[in-house]
Amino acid sequence: MKPAYWAILATAITTAAFAQAGPVVTVDYTNPALTPAHWVMTILPDGSGHFHSERGDAPPDPTQGFEAANIDRDIQVGPAFAAHAFATARQRRLFSVPCESHMKVAFQGSKSLSYTGPDGSGSCTFNFSKDKEIQNLGDALVAVAAAIVEGARLETLLQHDRLGLDKETEFLVEAVGDGRVQQICTIQRILHTLAEDPQVMDRVRKRAKLLLARTQG
């Protein structure tokens, strides 16, 4: 069988396992023009969850250097973020609402939000939602995924291109500042590694420490 089949099966099994543990919010994102082109994130009420990504077929960007491999790992978002995701699900009938605006806006990626729990289940799919709360939650979840992907990229650069960490951490600080990247608590391990590694640039260590300080706020 094709590798994509096994990836989809593994994601389905993981989601089912989380659902058995209690209510779960899931976002399934696809944009063939991006790398990764597809990812699935599950979140439980306590903030624990899982993230799985697949690169897709977009051509490599030569300006980006080394690419991170596909990601498949457990994650932990902040309790307030998780609470907001579940509150939005319940306020919006467990996502069982028509949420696509059908407006003529640029394609931002197909986002499927779903909820599964003892009180029911539901889902909706949109590029741009007419519901402000659902659109904002979708944007926030995409920003969390951006943090996780950035963390994996930092791990790759640390192993293969330490000089590349300078530009990448500079970008990360800017992206956290303007909201493109959220919940950097999901990548604390690699930030701790960079902050304590004497073999990386001093300014990389300083940026890692700055980002870690923001996870405490």
Protein backbone atom coordinates (compact mmCIF):
# COMPACT_ATOMS: atom_id res chain seq x y z
CA MET A 1 0.00 0.00 0.00
CA LYS A 2 1.07 3.60 -0.60
CA PRO A 3 2.79 5.54 2.21
CA ALA A 4 0.00 8.15 2.16
CA TYR A 5 -2.50 5.42 3.10
CA TRP A 6 -0.48 4.50 6.17
CA ALA A 7 -0.14 8.15 7.17
CA ILE A 8 -3.91 8.66 6.95
CA LEU A 9 -4.54 5.43 8.85
CA ALA A 10 -2.09 6.41 11.59
CA THR A 11 -3.77 9.82 11.94
CA ALA A 12 -7.20 8.20 12.17
CA ILE A 13 -5.99 5.79 14.86
CA THR A 14 -4.38 8.60 16.83
CA THR A 15 -7.53 10.73 16.65
CA ALA A 16 -9.67 7.78 17.74
CA ALA A 17 -7.36 7.12 20.68
CA PHE A 18 -7.60 10.74 21.80
CA ALA A 19 -11.38 10.68 21.41
CA GLN A 20 -11.59 7.68 23.74
CA ALA A 21 -9.69 9.68 26.36
CA GLY A 22 -12.33 12.45 26.35
CA PRO A 23 -13.51 15.36 24.22
CA VAL A 24 -11.16 16.29 21.41
CA VAL A 25 -10.90 19.21 19.01
CA THR A 26 -9.21 18.45 15.69
CA VAL A 27 -8.10 20.70 12.86
CA ASP A 28 -7.23 19.18 9.48
CA TYR A 29 -5.43 21.64 7.20
CA THR A 30 -4.53 21.34 3.51
CA ASN A 31 -2.79 23.75 1.15
CA PRO A 32 -0.87 22.06 -1.71
CA ALA A 33 1.14 25.22 -2.36
CA LEU A 34 2.77 25.14 1.07
CA THR A 35 5.25 22.91 2.88
CA PRO A 36 3.95 21.02 4.74
CA ALA A 37 0.91 20.74 2.50
CA HIS A 38 -1.17 18.80 4.99
CA TRP A 39 -1.27 18.55 8.75
CA VAL A 40 -3.64 17.36 11.46
CA MET A 41 -3.63 18.64 15.03
CA THR A 42 -5.66 17.19 17.91
CA ILE A 43 -6.13 18.94 21.26
CA LEU A 44 -7.59 17.65 24.52
CA PRO A 45 -9.11 19.88 27.24
CA ASP A 46 -5.89 19.81 29.30
CA GLY A 47 -3.88 21.12 26.34
CA SER A 48 -2.22 17.82 25.45
CA GLY A 49 -2.51 16.66 21.87
CA HIS A 50 -0.81 15.39 18.76
CA PHE A 51 0.52 16.87 15.51
CA HIS A 52 1.13 15.05 12.23
CA SER A 53 2.32 16.68 9.01
CA GLU A 54 3.03 15.58 5.44
CA ARG A 55 5.29 17.57 3.15
CA GLY A 56 3.30 17.37 -0.09
CA ASP A 57 4.54 18.03 -3.64
CA ALA A 58 5.41 21.74 -3.59
CA PRO A 59 8.88 22.33 -5.09
CA PRO A 60 11.64 23.02 -2.55
CA ASP A 61 12.41 26.67 -1.88
CA PRO A 62 16.18 27.07 -2.47
CA THR A 63 16.27 30.14 -0.22
CA GLN A 64 15.10 28.12 2.79
CA GLY A 65 17.99 25.67 2.95
CA PHE A 66 17.36 22.43 4.81
CA GLU A 67 13.75 21.34 5.16
CA ALA A 68 12.39 19.70 8.28
CA ALA A 69 11.16 16.13 7.89
CA ASN A 70 7.53 15.18 8.30
CA ILE A 71 6.41 15.73 11.89
CA ASP A 72 4.61 13.18 14.05
CA ARG A 73 4.72 14.02 17.76
CA ASP A 74 2.75 14.74 20.90
CA ILE A 75 2.29 18.41 21.78
CA GLN A 76 1.19 20.56 24.71
CA VAL A 77 -0.57 23.90 24.28
CA GLY A 78 -1.41 26.26 27.12
CA PRO A 79 -4.55 25.55 29.20
CA ALA A 80 -6.12 28.91 28.31
CA PHE A 81 -5.67 28.22 24.59
CA ALA A 82 -7.22 24.76 24.93
CA ALA A 83 -10.11 26.15 26.97
CA HIS A 84 -10.81 28.75 24.27
CA ALA A 85 -10.84 26.09 21.53
CA PHE A 86 -13.37 23.96 23.42
CA ALA A 87 -15.48 26.96 24.41
CA THR A 88 -15.69 28.02 20.76
CA ALA A 89 -16.70 24.48 19.75
CA ARG A 90 -19.54 24.42 22.29
CA GLN A 91 -20.67 27.96 21.46
CA ARG A 92 -20.82 26.98 17.80
CA ARG A 93 -22.86 23.76 18.16
CA LEU A 94 -19.76 21.54 18.17
CA PHE A 95 -18.83 23.06 14.78
CA SER A 96 -22.04 21.72 13.23
CA VAL A 97 -22.66 25.04 11.50
CA PRO A 98 -22.22 26.28 7.91
CA CYS A 99 -19.03 28.26 8.36
CA GLU A 100 -17.68 28.93 4.84
CA SER A 101 -18.21 32.55 3.75
CA HIS A 102 -18.04 31.80 -0.02
CA MET A 103 -16.50 35.24 -0.38
CA LYS A 104 -14.01 35.88 -3.16
CA VAL A 105 -10.90 35.88 -1.01
CA ALA A 106 -7.47 34.40 -1.64
CA PHE A 107 -7.10 30.72 -0.83
CA GLN A 108 -5.68 30.46 2.67
CA GLY A 109 -5.86 26.70 3.01
CA SER A 110 -8.75 24.34 3.64
CA LYS A 111 -9.39 24.08 7.38
CA SER A 112 -11.69 21.40 8.81
CA LEU A 113 -12.54 21.93 12.46
CA SER A 114 -14.16 19.03 14.27
CA TYR A 115 -15.26 18.13 17.78
CA THR A 116 -15.83 14.65 19.17
CA GLY A 117 -16.91 13.91 22.72
CA PRO A 118 -19.55 12.30 24.94
CA ASP A 119 -21.86 15.25 24.30
CA GLY A 120 -21.81 14.80 20.53
CA SER A 121 -19.76 15.56 17.47
CA GLY A 122 -19.65 17.90 14.53
CA SER A 123 -17.42 19.55 11.96
CA CYS A 124 -17.20 22.33 9.41
CA THR A 125 -14.76 23.13 6.62
CA PHE A 126 -13.77 26.54 5.31
CA ASN A 127 -11.18 28.63 3.54
CA PHE A 128 -12.49 31.87 5.06
CA SER A 129 -15.31 31.67 7.58
CA LYS A 130 -18.24 34.05 7.85
CA ASP A 131 -18.23 33.31 11.59
CA LYS A 132 -15.67 35.58 13.27
CA GLU A 133 -15.04 33.23 16.20
CA ILE A 134 -14.47 30.22 13.95
CA GLN A 135 -12.22 32.24 11.62
CA ASN A 136 -10.19 33.51 14.58
CA LEU A 137 -9.84 30.00 16.02
CA GLY A 138 -8.77 28.68 12.62
CA ASP A 139 -6.15 31.42 12.31
CA ALA A 140 -4.88 30.69 15.82
CA LEU A 141 -4.59 26.95 15.16
CA VAL A 142 -2.65 27.66 11.94
CA ALA A 143 -0.31 29.86 14.00
CA VAL A 144 0.19 27.02 16.50
CA ALA A 145 1.04 24.68 13.64
CA ALA A 146 3.53 27.30 12.42
CA ALA A 147 5.23 27.15 15.82
CA ILE A 148 5.50 23.38 15.69
CA VAL A 149 6.88 23.43 12.14
CA GLU A 150 9.38 26.13 13.13
CA GLY A 151 10.48 24.00 16.07
CA ALA A 152 11.13 21.06 13.76
CA ARG A 153 13.04 23.35 11.40
CA LEU A 154 15.23 24.59 14.26
CA GLU A 155 16.01 20.98 15.16
CA THR A 156 17.06 20.29 11.56
CA LEU A 157 19.21 23.42 11.37
CA LEU A 158 20.89 22.62 14.67
CA GLN A 159 21.93 19.27 13.23
CA HIS A 160 22.85 20.34 9.69
CA ASP A 161 23.30 24.13 9.46
CA ARG A 162 24.04 25.95 12.72
CA LEU A 163 24.69 29.22 10.88
CA GLY A 164 21.13 29.04 9.53
CA LEU A 165 19.83 29.30 13.10
CA ASP A 166 20.65 33.02 13.12
CA LYS A 167 18.17 33.94 10.39
CA GLU A 168 15.58 31.43 11.57
CA THR A 169 15.50 32.59 15.18
CA GLU A 170 15.33 36.21 14.01
CA PHE A 171 12.27 35.31 11.94
CA LEU A 172 10.74 33.39 14.84
CA VAL A 173 11.02 36.34 17.23
CA GLU A 174 9.34 38.59 14.65
CA ALA A 175 6.60 36.04 13.90
CA VAL A 176 5.80 35.55 17.58
CA GLY A 177 5.65 39.32 17.97
CA ASP A 178 3.07 39.82 15.22
CA GLY A 179 1.03 36.68 15.94
CA ARG A 180 1.95 34.57 12.92
CA VAL A 181 3.36 32.04 15.38
CA GLN A 182 1.52 31.22 18.61
CA GLN A 183 1.91 28.85 21.54
CA ILE A 184 5.70 28.58 21.43
CA CYS A 185 5.31 26.49 24.57
CA THR A 186 4.93 23.66 22.04
CA ILE A 187 8.64 23.97 21.13
CA GLN A 188 10.21 24.60 24.53
CA ARG A 189 12.58 21.63 24.22
CA ILE A 190 14.46 22.93 21.18
CA LEU A 191 14.47 26.47 22.60
CA HIS A 192 16.06 25.18 25.82
CA THR A 193 18.62 23.28 23.75
CA LEU A 194 19.56 26.40 21.78
CA ALA A 195 19.65 28.61 24.88
CA GLU A 196 22.15 26.28 26.56
CA ASP A 197 24.31 25.31 23.56
CA PRO A 198 27.68 27.15 23.60
CA GLN A 199 28.36 26.03 20.03
CA VAL A 200 25.64 28.24 18.51
CA MET A 201 25.88 32.01 18.03
CA ASP A 202 25.45 34.16 21.11
CA ARG A 203 22.55 36.04 19.53
CA VAL A 204 20.81 32.73 18.77
CA ARG A 205 21.08 31.77 22.44
CA LYS A 206 19.77 35.21 23.46
CA ARG A 207 16.76 34.92 21.13
CA ALA A 208 16.02 31.43 22.43
CA LYS A 209 16.08 32.75 26.00
CA LEU A 210 13.82 35.64 25.00
CA LEU A 211 11.32 33.23 23.46
CA LEU A 212 11.45 30.97 26.51
CA ALA A 213 10.71 33.97 28.72
CA ARG A 214 7.59 34.61 26.66
CA THR A 215 6.36 31.08 27.33
CA GLN A 216 6.33 31.94 31.03
CA GLY A 217 4.07 34.94 30.53
